[in-house]
Amino acid sequence: MNNFTYQFHHMGIPTTSKKAGERYSPKFKMYTTDSISEKYRIQFHRFEDDCPLHLLIRSIPHIAYKVSSIADAIMGEEVILEPYEPFTGFKVAMIVKDGVPIEFIETILTEDEIWTPARHQNSIIYPESN
C-alpha cells in the first residue's frame, strides 16, 4: 500500500460543445476551459479528430488527484499519458484503472498559482496563450 495520500484536484470532462473562454493546445489538438474550475474544479476538454491523446482521455471524464510522487502513483499501473511538465512546477501523468482515466499531479505550486490563467501562457501545451 502506498504511504501517501490522494488529494482531489479537479474533474476533466470531455465535450463536443464549444465553451466560453476555451484555450487551444496545438500539442494535443484540444481546447480546454476552466470556466467553472475556480470554485468547483471542473475543466471541459474538446478534442479535434486527430488528437493524439488516448481514446479514454478523449471520451470518458477523469478525476485528478494531487500526489506527493507521480513515480509512486503510477508504479505498476497502465500509464496512458507519460509524466511530463506542462508548465514549471507542475507535473502530470495519467493511468487507466478499470476503464477509467485517472490523472496524477505533482506540484510545488499553490492552487492560486495553478488556476491563474497567466500560469499557462507560453507553456508546453499552450505555447501561444495570450
N, C-alpha and C. Protein backbone atom coordinates (compact mmCIF):
# COMPACT_ATOMS: atom_id res chain seq x y z
N MET A 1 0.86 -1.19 0.00
CA MET A 1 0.00 0.00 0.00
C MET A 1 0.89 1.23 0.00
N ASN A 2 0.50 2.24 -0.76
CA ASN A 2 1.25 3.48 -0.83
C ASN A 2 1.14 4.23 0.49
N ASN A 3 2.22 4.93 0.85
CA ASN A 3 2.20 5.67 2.11
C ASN A 3 2.02 7.17 1.86
N PHE A 4 1.27 7.50 0.84
CA PHE A 4 0.95 8.90 0.58
C PHE A 4 -0.54 9.02 0.31
N THR A 5 -1.03 10.25 0.32
CA THR A 5 -2.46 10.46 0.15
C THR A 5 -2.77 10.95 -1.25
N TYR A 6 -4.01 10.79 -1.62
CA TYR A 6 -4.54 11.29 -2.88
C TYR A 6 -5.48 12.43 -2.52
N GLN A 7 -5.16 13.63 -2.97
CA GLN A 7 -5.99 14.80 -2.67
C GLN A 7 -6.70 15.24 -3.95
N PHE A 8 -8.03 15.32 -3.89
CA PHE A 8 -8.80 15.74 -5.05
C PHE A 8 -8.27 17.05 -5.60
N HIS A 9 -8.16 17.14 -6.93
CA HIS A 9 -7.72 18.38 -7.55
C HIS A 9 -8.76 18.93 -8.52
N HIS A 10 -9.22 18.12 -9.47
CA HIS A 10 -10.24 18.58 -10.41
C HIS A 10 -10.87 17.41 -11.15
N MET A 11 -11.95 17.71 -11.86
CA MET A 11 -12.58 16.76 -12.79
C MET A 11 -12.35 17.29 -14.19
N GLY A 12 -12.07 16.40 -15.12
CA GLY A 12 -11.94 16.76 -16.53
C GLY A 12 -13.05 16.08 -17.30
N ILE A 13 -13.82 16.84 -18.06
CA ILE A 13 -14.98 16.30 -18.75
C ILE A 13 -14.85 16.54 -20.25
N PRO A 14 -14.80 15.46 -21.03
CA PRO A 14 -14.79 15.63 -22.49
C PRO A 14 -16.12 16.21 -22.95
N THR A 15 -16.05 17.07 -23.95
CA THR A 15 -17.27 17.67 -24.51
C THR A 15 -17.09 17.85 -26.01
N THR A 16 -18.19 17.96 -26.70
CA THR A 16 -18.15 18.29 -28.13
C THR A 16 -18.65 19.70 -28.36
N SER A 17 -19.09 20.36 -27.29
CA SER A 17 -19.62 21.72 -27.39
C SER A 17 -18.54 22.75 -27.13
N LYS A 18 -18.56 23.82 -27.93
CA LYS A 18 -17.65 24.94 -27.67
C LYS A 18 -18.07 25.60 -26.36
N LYS A 19 -17.05 26.00 -25.58
CA LYS A 19 -17.30 26.65 -24.30
C LYS A 19 -16.63 28.03 -24.29
N ALA A 20 -17.22 28.95 -23.57
CA ALA A 20 -16.64 30.29 -23.44
C ALA A 20 -15.28 30.18 -22.78
N GLY A 21 -14.33 30.95 -23.25
CA GLY A 21 -13.02 31.01 -22.63
C GLY A 21 -12.10 29.85 -22.94
N GLU A 22 -12.39 29.09 -23.99
CA GLU A 22 -11.51 27.98 -24.35
C GLU A 22 -10.13 28.48 -24.73
N ARG A 23 -9.12 27.68 -24.40
CA ARG A 23 -7.78 27.94 -24.93
C ARG A 23 -7.36 26.69 -25.69
N TYR A 24 -6.57 26.90 -26.74
CA TYR A 24 -6.22 25.81 -27.65
C TYR A 24 -4.82 25.29 -27.40
N SER A 25 -4.68 23.98 -27.43
CA SER A 25 -3.38 23.34 -27.31
C SER A 25 -3.02 22.68 -28.64
N PRO A 26 -2.08 23.25 -29.40
CA PRO A 26 -1.67 22.61 -30.64
C PRO A 26 -0.96 21.28 -30.41
N LYS A 27 -0.30 21.14 -29.27
CA LYS A 27 0.39 19.88 -28.94
C LYS A 27 -0.59 18.72 -28.86
N PHE A 28 -1.72 18.94 -28.20
CA PHE A 28 -2.70 17.88 -28.00
C PHE A 28 -3.94 18.02 -28.89
N LYS A 29 -3.99 19.07 -29.68
CA LYS A 29 -5.13 19.31 -30.58
C LYS A 29 -6.44 19.24 -29.80
N MET A 30 -6.49 20.07 -28.76
CA MET A 30 -7.66 20.11 -27.89
C MET A 30 -7.86 21.52 -27.36
N TYR A 31 -9.08 21.76 -26.94
CA TYR A 31 -9.47 23.02 -26.31
C TYR A 31 -9.81 22.72 -24.86
N THR A 32 -9.43 23.64 -23.96
CA THR A 32 -9.71 23.47 -22.54
C THR A 32 -10.32 24.75 -22.01
N THR A 33 -11.29 24.60 -21.15
CA THR A 33 -11.85 25.75 -20.47
C THR A 33 -11.86 25.48 -18.98
N ASP A 34 -11.53 26.51 -18.23
CA ASP A 34 -11.55 26.43 -16.78
C ASP A 34 -12.69 27.29 -16.23
N SER A 35 -13.74 27.45 -17.01
CA SER A 35 -14.79 28.40 -16.66
C SER A 35 -15.42 28.16 -15.30
N ILE A 36 -15.48 26.93 -14.86
CA ILE A 36 -16.04 26.68 -13.53
C ILE A 36 -15.02 26.02 -12.62
N SER A 37 -13.75 26.14 -12.98
CA SER A 37 -12.71 25.48 -12.19
C SER A 37 -12.44 26.14 -10.86
N GLU A 38 -12.49 27.46 -10.82
CA GLU A 38 -12.08 28.16 -9.60
C GLU A 38 -12.85 27.68 -8.38
N LYS A 39 -14.16 27.57 -8.51
CA LYS A 39 -14.97 27.17 -7.37
C LYS A 39 -15.20 25.65 -7.32
N TYR A 40 -15.49 25.05 -8.47
CA TYR A 40 -15.89 23.65 -8.49
C TYR A 40 -14.83 22.70 -9.01
N ARG A 41 -13.77 23.26 -9.59
CA ARG A 41 -12.65 22.49 -10.12
C ARG A 41 -13.08 21.51 -11.21
N ILE A 42 -13.78 22.04 -12.19
CA ILE A 42 -14.19 21.26 -13.35
C ILE A 42 -13.61 21.91 -14.59
N GLN A 43 -12.97 21.10 -15.42
CA GLN A 43 -12.45 21.57 -16.71
C GLN A 43 -13.21 20.82 -17.80
N PHE A 44 -13.50 21.52 -18.89
CA PHE A 44 -14.07 20.87 -20.06
C PHE A 44 -12.98 20.78 -21.12
N HIS A 45 -12.92 19.64 -21.81
CA HIS A 45 -11.94 19.41 -22.86
C HIS A 45 -12.67 19.02 -24.14
N ARG A 46 -12.37 19.74 -25.20
CA ARG A 46 -12.95 19.44 -26.52
C ARG A 46 -11.79 19.08 -27.44
N PHE A 47 -11.91 17.95 -28.11
CA PHE A 47 -10.80 17.38 -28.87
C PHE A 47 -11.05 17.41 -30.37
N GLU A 48 -9.99 17.70 -31.13
CA GLU A 48 -10.07 17.57 -32.58
C GLU A 48 -9.99 16.09 -32.95
N ASP A 49 -10.45 15.76 -34.15
CA ASP A 49 -10.48 14.36 -34.58
C ASP A 49 -9.12 13.69 -34.55
N ASP A 50 -8.06 14.43 -34.83
CA ASP A 50 -6.72 13.84 -34.87
C ASP A 50 -5.91 14.10 -33.59
N CYS A 51 -6.60 14.31 -32.50
CA CYS A 51 -5.95 14.48 -31.20
C CYS A 51 -5.12 13.23 -30.88
N PRO A 52 -3.86 13.41 -30.46
CA PRO A 52 -3.01 12.25 -30.19
C PRO A 52 -3.22 11.59 -28.83
N LEU A 53 -4.05 12.16 -27.99
CA LEU A 53 -4.26 11.58 -26.66
C LEU A 53 -5.04 10.27 -26.72
N HIS A 54 -4.84 9.45 -25.72
CA HIS A 54 -5.51 8.15 -25.60
C HIS A 54 -7.03 8.32 -25.71
N LEU A 55 -7.68 7.39 -26.35
CA LEU A 55 -9.14 7.44 -26.55
C LEU A 55 -9.90 7.62 -25.23
N LEU A 56 -9.46 6.98 -24.17
CA LEU A 56 -10.17 7.12 -22.89
C LEU A 56 -10.11 8.55 -22.36
N ILE A 57 -8.99 9.24 -22.57
CA ILE A 57 -8.88 10.63 -22.13
C ILE A 57 -9.87 11.49 -22.91
N ARG A 58 -10.05 11.15 -24.19
CA ARG A 58 -10.92 11.93 -25.07
C ARG A 58 -12.39 11.61 -24.91
N SER A 59 -12.72 10.51 -24.26
CA SER A 59 -14.12 10.08 -24.26
C SER A 59 -14.76 9.87 -22.89
N ILE A 60 -13.96 9.76 -21.84
CA ILE A 60 -14.51 9.46 -20.51
C ILE A 60 -14.02 10.53 -19.53
N PRO A 61 -14.91 11.05 -18.68
CA PRO A 61 -14.46 12.01 -17.66
C PRO A 61 -13.36 11.41 -16.79
N HIS A 62 -12.45 12.27 -16.36
CA HIS A 62 -11.38 11.80 -15.47
C HIS A 62 -11.40 12.61 -14.18
N ILE A 63 -10.84 12.00 -13.15
CA ILE A 63 -10.63 12.69 -11.89
C ILE A 63 -9.13 12.89 -11.74
N ALA A 64 -8.74 14.01 -11.17
CA ALA A 64 -7.33 14.31 -10.97
C ALA A 64 -7.04 14.45 -9.48
N TYR A 65 -5.94 13.85 -9.07
CA TYR A 65 -5.50 13.90 -7.68
C TYR A 65 -4.11 14.50 -7.60
N LYS A 66 -3.88 15.31 -6.57
CA LYS A 66 -2.52 15.74 -6.25
C LYS A 66 -1.90 14.63 -5.41
N VAL A 67 -0.66 14.29 -5.77
CA VAL A 67 0.07 13.26 -5.03
C VAL A 67 1.47 13.78 -4.74
N SER A 68 2.11 13.17 -3.77
CA SER A 68 3.47 13.60 -3.42
C SER A 68 4.50 13.06 -4.39
N SER A 69 4.16 11.98 -5.10
CA SER A 69 5.10 11.39 -6.04
C SER A 69 4.37 10.73 -7.19
N ILE A 70 4.50 11.30 -8.38
CA ILE A 70 3.90 10.68 -9.56
C ILE A 70 4.53 9.31 -9.80
N ALA A 71 5.83 9.21 -9.62
CA ALA A 71 6.52 7.93 -9.85
C ALA A 71 5.89 6.83 -9.00
N ASP A 72 5.61 7.12 -7.74
CA ASP A 72 4.98 6.12 -6.87
C ASP A 72 3.53 5.86 -7.29
N ALA A 73 2.82 6.91 -7.68
CA ALA A 73 1.41 6.76 -8.03
C ALA A 73 1.20 5.90 -9.28
N ILE A 74 2.12 5.98 -10.23
CA ILE A 74 1.94 5.22 -11.48
C ILE A 74 2.65 3.88 -11.48
N MET A 75 3.43 3.61 -10.45
CA MET A 75 4.17 2.36 -10.39
C MET A 75 3.23 1.15 -10.50
N GLY A 76 3.47 0.30 -11.47
CA GLY A 76 2.67 -0.90 -11.66
C GLY A 76 1.32 -0.68 -12.32
N GLU A 77 1.03 0.55 -12.74
CA GLU A 77 -0.25 0.88 -13.35
C GLU A 77 -0.11 0.98 -14.87
N GLU A 78 -1.23 0.93 -15.57
CA GLU A 78 -1.26 1.10 -17.02
C GLU A 78 -1.25 2.61 -17.32
N VAL A 79 -0.12 3.11 -17.75
CA VAL A 79 0.05 4.54 -17.99
C VAL A 79 -0.44 4.88 -19.40
N ILE A 80 -1.35 5.87 -19.48
CA ILE A 80 -1.86 6.30 -20.79
C ILE A 80 -1.40 7.70 -21.16
N LEU A 81 -0.75 8.39 -20.24
CA LEU A 81 -0.08 9.66 -20.52
C LEU A 81 1.16 9.70 -19.64
N GLU A 82 2.30 9.58 -20.29
CA GLU A 82 3.57 9.55 -19.57
C GLU A 82 3.78 10.85 -18.80
N PRO A 83 4.50 10.79 -17.68
CA PRO A 83 4.75 12.00 -16.91
C PRO A 83 5.44 13.08 -17.74
N TYR A 84 4.96 14.30 -17.59
CA TYR A 84 5.58 15.45 -18.24
C TYR A 84 5.24 16.70 -17.44
N GLU A 85 5.92 17.80 -17.74
CA GLU A 85 5.73 19.05 -17.00
C GLU A 85 5.19 20.10 -17.96
N PRO A 86 3.85 20.30 -18.00
CA PRO A 86 3.27 21.26 -18.93
C PRO A 86 3.69 22.70 -18.64
N PHE A 87 3.91 23.03 -17.38
CA PHE A 87 4.48 24.32 -17.02
C PHE A 87 5.29 24.14 -15.74
N THR A 88 6.22 25.03 -15.53
CA THR A 88 7.19 24.91 -14.45
C THR A 88 6.51 24.68 -13.10
N GLY A 89 6.98 23.64 -12.41
CA GLY A 89 6.47 23.34 -11.08
C GLY A 89 5.21 22.51 -11.04
N PHE A 90 4.78 21.99 -12.21
CA PHE A 90 3.51 21.26 -12.30
C PHE A 90 3.71 20.06 -13.22
N LYS A 91 3.75 18.86 -12.63
CA LYS A 91 3.94 17.63 -13.40
C LYS A 91 2.64 16.82 -13.39
N VAL A 92 2.36 16.16 -14.51
CA VAL A 92 1.16 15.33 -14.61
C VAL A 92 1.48 14.00 -15.30
N ALA A 93 0.62 13.04 -15.04
CA ALA A 93 0.63 11.74 -15.73
C ALA A 93 -0.78 11.18 -15.59
N MET A 94 -1.13 10.24 -16.47
CA MET A 94 -2.44 9.61 -16.37
C MET A 94 -2.32 8.10 -16.50
N ILE A 95 -3.18 7.42 -15.75
CA ILE A 95 -3.28 5.97 -15.82
C ILE A 95 -4.72 5.61 -16.18
N VAL A 96 -4.95 4.34 -16.43
CA VAL A 96 -6.31 3.85 -16.57
C VAL A 96 -6.50 2.74 -15.54
N LYS A 97 -7.61 2.81 -14.82
CA LYS A 97 -7.94 1.82 -13.80
C LYS A 97 -9.39 1.42 -13.99
N ASP A 98 -9.62 0.15 -14.28
CA ASP A 98 -10.97 -0.37 -14.52
C ASP A 98 -11.70 0.45 -15.58
N GLY A 99 -10.97 0.85 -16.62
CA GLY A 99 -11.56 1.57 -17.74
C GLY A 99 -11.73 3.06 -17.52
N VAL A 100 -11.26 3.58 -16.40
CA VAL A 100 -11.43 5.00 -16.08
C VAL A 100 -10.07 5.70 -16.09
N PRO A 101 -9.94 6.82 -16.83
CA PRO A 101 -8.68 7.57 -16.77
C PRO A 101 -8.57 8.34 -15.46
N ILE A 102 -7.37 8.30 -14.89
CA ILE A 102 -7.10 9.00 -13.63
C ILE A 102 -5.82 9.80 -13.82
N GLU A 103 -5.88 11.06 -13.47
CA GLU A 103 -4.73 11.95 -13.61
C GLU A 103 -4.08 12.15 -12.25
N PHE A 104 -2.75 12.19 -12.26
CA PHE A 104 -1.99 12.49 -11.06
C PHE A 104 -1.20 13.77 -11.29
N ILE A 105 -1.15 14.59 -10.27
CA ILE A 105 -0.46 15.88 -10.33
C ILE A 105 0.54 15.94 -9.18
N GLU A 106 1.76 16.28 -9.52
CA GLU A 106 2.80 16.53 -8.51
C GLU A 106 3.23 17.98 -8.71
N THR A 107 3.08 18.78 -7.68
CA THR A 107 3.35 20.21 -7.85
C THR A 107 3.87 20.86 -6.58
N ILE A 108 4.59 21.94 -6.78
CA ILE A 108 5.05 22.78 -5.67
C ILE A 108 4.25 24.08 -5.64
N LEU A 109 3.33 24.23 -6.59
CA LEU A 109 2.56 25.47 -6.73
C LEU A 109 1.35 25.50 -5.81
N THR A 110 0.92 26.70 -5.44
CA THR A 110 -0.31 26.87 -4.69
C THR A 110 -1.49 26.74 -5.66
N GLU A 111 -2.67 26.56 -5.14
CA GLU A 111 -3.86 26.47 -6.00
C GLU A 111 -4.07 27.77 -6.76
N ASP A 112 -3.83 28.91 -6.12
CA ASP A 112 -3.96 30.19 -6.82
C ASP A 112 -3.00 30.26 -8.01
N GLU A 113 -1.78 29.79 -7.83
CA GLU A 113 -0.81 29.79 -8.93
C GLU A 113 -1.23 28.85 -10.05
N ILE A 114 -1.78 27.71 -9.69
CA ILE A 114 -2.20 26.72 -10.69
C ILE A 114 -3.35 27.24 -11.54
N TRP A 115 -4.34 27.85 -10.91
CA TRP A 115 -5.55 28.25 -11.64
C TRP A 115 -5.45 29.65 -12.25
N THR A 116 -4.36 30.36 -12.04
CA THR A 116 -4.17 31.65 -12.65
C THR A 116 -3.93 31.47 -14.15
N PRO A 117 -4.77 32.05 -15.01
CA PRO A 117 -4.58 31.86 -16.45
C PRO A 117 -3.19 32.22 -16.95
N ALA A 118 -2.55 33.19 -16.34
CA ALA A 118 -1.21 33.59 -16.78
C ALA A 118 -0.21 32.46 -16.63
N ARG A 119 -0.45 31.53 -15.72
CA ARG A 119 0.46 30.42 -15.50
C ARG A 119 0.59 29.56 -16.76
N HIS A 120 -0.44 29.50 -17.55
CA HIS A 120 -0.46 28.66 -18.75
C HIS A 120 0.17 29.33 -19.96
N GLN A 121 0.41 30.62 -19.88
CA GLN A 121 0.98 31.33 -21.02
C GLN A 121 2.36 30.79 -21.36
N ASN A 122 2.56 30.58 -22.66
CA ASN A 122 3.84 30.11 -23.15
C ASN A 122 4.29 28.80 -22.52
N SER A 123 3.33 27.95 -22.17
CA SER A 123 3.65 26.64 -21.63
C SER A 123 3.79 25.64 -22.78
N ILE A 124 4.19 24.43 -22.46
CA ILE A 124 4.33 23.38 -23.47
C ILE A 124 3.00 23.11 -24.18
N ILE A 125 1.91 23.09 -23.43
CA ILE A 125 0.63 22.74 -24.05
C ILE A 125 -0.10 23.95 -24.62
N TYR A 126 0.19 25.14 -24.13
CA TYR A 126 -0.45 26.35 -24.65
C TYR A 126 0.62 27.38 -25.00
N PRO A 127 1.45 27.11 -26.01
CA PRO A 127 2.58 27.98 -26.30
C PRO A 127 2.21 29.37 -26.80
N GLU A 128 1.01 29.52 -27.31
CA GLU A 128 0.61 30.81 -27.88
C GLU A 128 -0.49 31.48 -27.09
N SER A 129 -0.64 31.12 -25.82
CA SER A 129 -1.69 31.72 -25.00
C SER A 129 -1.46 33.21 -24.85
N ASN A 130 -2.54 33.94 -24.81
CA ASN A 130 -2.44 35.40 -24.62
C ASN A 130 -2.72 35.75 -23.19
